[in-house]
Amino acid sequence: MVSENMDSNKAKKILRSRGWSWKRAAEHMGYSYIHVAFMLTGRRPLSAPARERIAALPQSPVPYRNIGFALKSK
C-alpha cells in the first residue's frame, strides 16, 4: 500500500501534486492546521490514519495558487 512507506516529504509532494494547501487539506481531512504542519515538518510522526487520508485525497477542486512565487509553471 502507498501509505505504508509514506514519509513527510512524500506526503508534501502528494498534497502539492493534487493542488492542496496544508491548511485546506487539514480542514478536508478533519485535522487542525497546526497538527498537519507538525506532521509534515517532522515535529510529530506522520500517523497511519493521516497517511491513509493523504493518500485518499482527490484532486483539489480549488487550485493551490493562481499567481505568486509558488505557482508551478509548465
C-alpha atoms as a PDB file:
ATOM      1  CA  MET A   1       0.000   0.000   0.000  1.00  0.00           C
ATOM      2  CA  VAL A   2       1.219   3.520  -0.806  1.00  0.00           C
ATOM      3  CA  SER A   3       0.583   4.895   2.662  1.00  0.00           C
ATOM      4  CA  GLU A   4       2.768   2.334   4.489  1.00  0.00           C
ATOM      5  CA  ASN A   5       6.054   3.790   3.251  1.00  0.00           C
ATOM      6  CA  MET A   6       4.939   7.419   3.123  1.00  0.00           C
ATOM      7  CA  ASP A   7       7.169   9.924   4.907  1.00  0.00           C
ATOM      8  CA  SER A   8       6.596  13.648   5.397  1.00  0.00           C
ATOM      9  CA  ASN A   9       8.376  14.578   2.148  1.00  0.00           C
ATOM     10  CA  LYS A  10       6.242  12.200   0.097  1.00  0.00           C
ATOM     11  CA  ALA A  11       3.107  13.477   1.851  1.00  0.00           C
ATOM     12  CA  LYS A  12       4.027  17.071   0.945  1.00  0.00           C
ATOM     13  CA  LYS A  13       4.577  16.074  -2.693  1.00  0.00           C
ATOM     14  CA  ILE A  14       1.202  14.322  -2.834  1.00  0.00           C
ATOM     15  CA  LEU A  15      -0.566  17.360  -1.407  1.00  0.00           C
ATOM     16  CA  ARG A  16       1.117  19.730  -3.848  1.00  0.00           C
ATOM     17  CA  SER A  17       0.610  17.487  -6.881  1.00  0.00           C
ATOM     18  CA  ARG A  18      -3.104  17.264  -6.124  1.00  0.00           C
ATOM     19  CA  GLY A  19      -3.447  21.004  -5.565  1.00  0.00           C
ATOM     20  CA  TRP A  20      -3.946  21.047  -1.784  1.00  0.00           C
ATOM     21  CA  SER A  21      -2.526  23.668   0.564  1.00  0.00           C
ATOM     22  CA  TRP A  22      -1.678  22.356   4.019  1.00  0.00           C
ATOM     23  CA  LYS A  23      -4.478  24.396   5.575  1.00  0.00           C
ATOM     24  CA  ARG A  24      -7.213  23.312   3.169  1.00  0.00           C
ATOM     25  CA  ALA A  25      -6.027  19.687   3.318  1.00  0.00           C
ATOM     26  CA  ALA A  26      -6.134  19.771   7.119  1.00  0.00           C
ATOM     27  CA  GLU A  27      -9.711  21.064   7.080  1.00  0.00           C
ATOM     28  CA  HIS A  28     -10.742  18.468   4.484  1.00  0.00           C
ATOM     29  CA  MET A  29      -9.177  15.614   6.492  1.00  0.00           C
ATOM     30  CA  GLY A  30     -10.590  16.761   9.834  1.00  0.00           C
ATOM     31  CA  TYR A  31      -7.278  17.821  11.408  1.00  0.00           C
ATOM     32  CA  SER A  32      -6.109  21.168  12.694  1.00  0.00           C
ATOM     33  CA  TYR A  33      -3.641  23.059  10.520  1.00  0.00           C
ATOM     34  CA  ILE A  34      -1.015  23.009  13.293  1.00  0.00           C
ATOM     35  CA  HIS A  35      -1.255  19.227  13.647  1.00  0.00           C
ATOM     36  CA  VAL A  36      -0.798  18.713   9.898  1.00  0.00           C
ATOM     37  CA  ALA A  37       2.038  21.250   9.739  1.00  0.00           C
ATOM     38  CA  PHE A  38       3.835  19.493  12.603  1.00  0.00           C
ATOM     39  CA  MET A  39       3.450  16.111  10.867  1.00  0.00           C
ATOM     40  CA  LEU A  40       4.666  17.469   7.519  1.00  0.00           C
ATOM     41  CA  THR A  41       7.694  19.177   9.049  1.00  0.00           C
ATOM     42  CA  GLY A  42       8.719  16.226  11.214  1.00  0.00           C
ATOM     43  CA  ARG A  43       7.858  17.705  14.599  1.00  0.00           C
ATOM     44  CA  ARG A  44       5.277  14.941  15.045  1.00  0.00           C
ATOM     45  CA  PRO A  45       5.257  11.498  13.463  1.00  0.00           C
ATOM     46  CA  LEU A  46       3.025  11.015  10.438  1.00  0.00           C
ATOM     47  CA  SER A  47       0.325   8.738  11.841  1.00  0.00           C
ATOM     48  CA  ALA A  48      -1.143   5.798   9.933  1.00  0.00           C
ATOM     49  CA  PRO A  49      -4.614   7.397   9.732  1.00  0.00           C
ATOM     50  CA  ALA A  50      -3.073  10.632   8.416  1.00  0.00           C
ATOM     51  CA  ARG A  51      -1.093   8.706   5.773  1.00  0.00           C
ATOM     52  CA  GLU A  52      -4.279   6.952   4.653  1.00  0.00           C
ATOM     53  CA  ARG A  53      -6.219  10.221   4.478  1.00  0.00           C
ATOM     54  CA  ILE A  54      -3.474  11.944   2.490  1.00  0.00           C
ATOM     55  CA  ALA A  55      -3.244   9.009   0.063  1.00  0.00           C
ATOM     56  CA  ALA A  56      -7.037   9.077  -0.407  1.00  0.00           C
ATOM     57  CA  LEU A  57      -7.288  12.817  -1.119  1.00  0.00           C
ATOM     58  CA  PRO A  58      -8.831  13.556  -4.519  1.00  0.00           C
ATOM     59  CA  GLN A  59      -7.636  16.310  -6.825  1.00  0.00           C
ATOM     60  CA  SER A  60      -8.420  19.625  -5.152  1.00  0.00           C
ATOM     61  CA  PRO A  61     -11.449  21.450  -6.570  1.00  0.00           C
ATOM     62  CA  VAL A  62      -9.613  24.736  -5.989  1.00  0.00           C
ATOM     63  CA  PRO A  63      -6.077  25.231  -7.353  1.00  0.00           C
ATOM     64  CA  TYR A  64      -3.306  25.671  -4.796  1.00  0.00           C
ATOM     65  CA  ARG A  65      -2.363  29.052  -6.271  1.00  0.00           C
ATOM     66  CA  ASN A  66      -3.242  31.010  -9.355  1.00  0.00           C
ATOM     67  CA  ILE A  67      -0.413  33.547  -9.036  1.00  0.00           C
ATOM     68  CA  GLY A  68       2.731  34.040  -6.995  1.00  0.00           C
ATOM     69  CA  PHE A  69       6.149  32.543  -6.498  1.00  0.00           C
ATOM     70  CA  ALA A  70       4.796  29.081  -5.550  1.00  0.00           C
ATOM     71  CA  LEU A  71       2.913  28.680  -8.826  1.00  0.00           C
ATOM     72  CA  LYS A  72       4.416  25.818 -10.772  1.00  0.00           C
ATOM     73  CA  SER A  73       4.842  26.842 -14.370  1.00  0.00           C
ATOM     74  CA  LYS A  74       4.707  24.282 -17.147  1.00  0.00           C
END
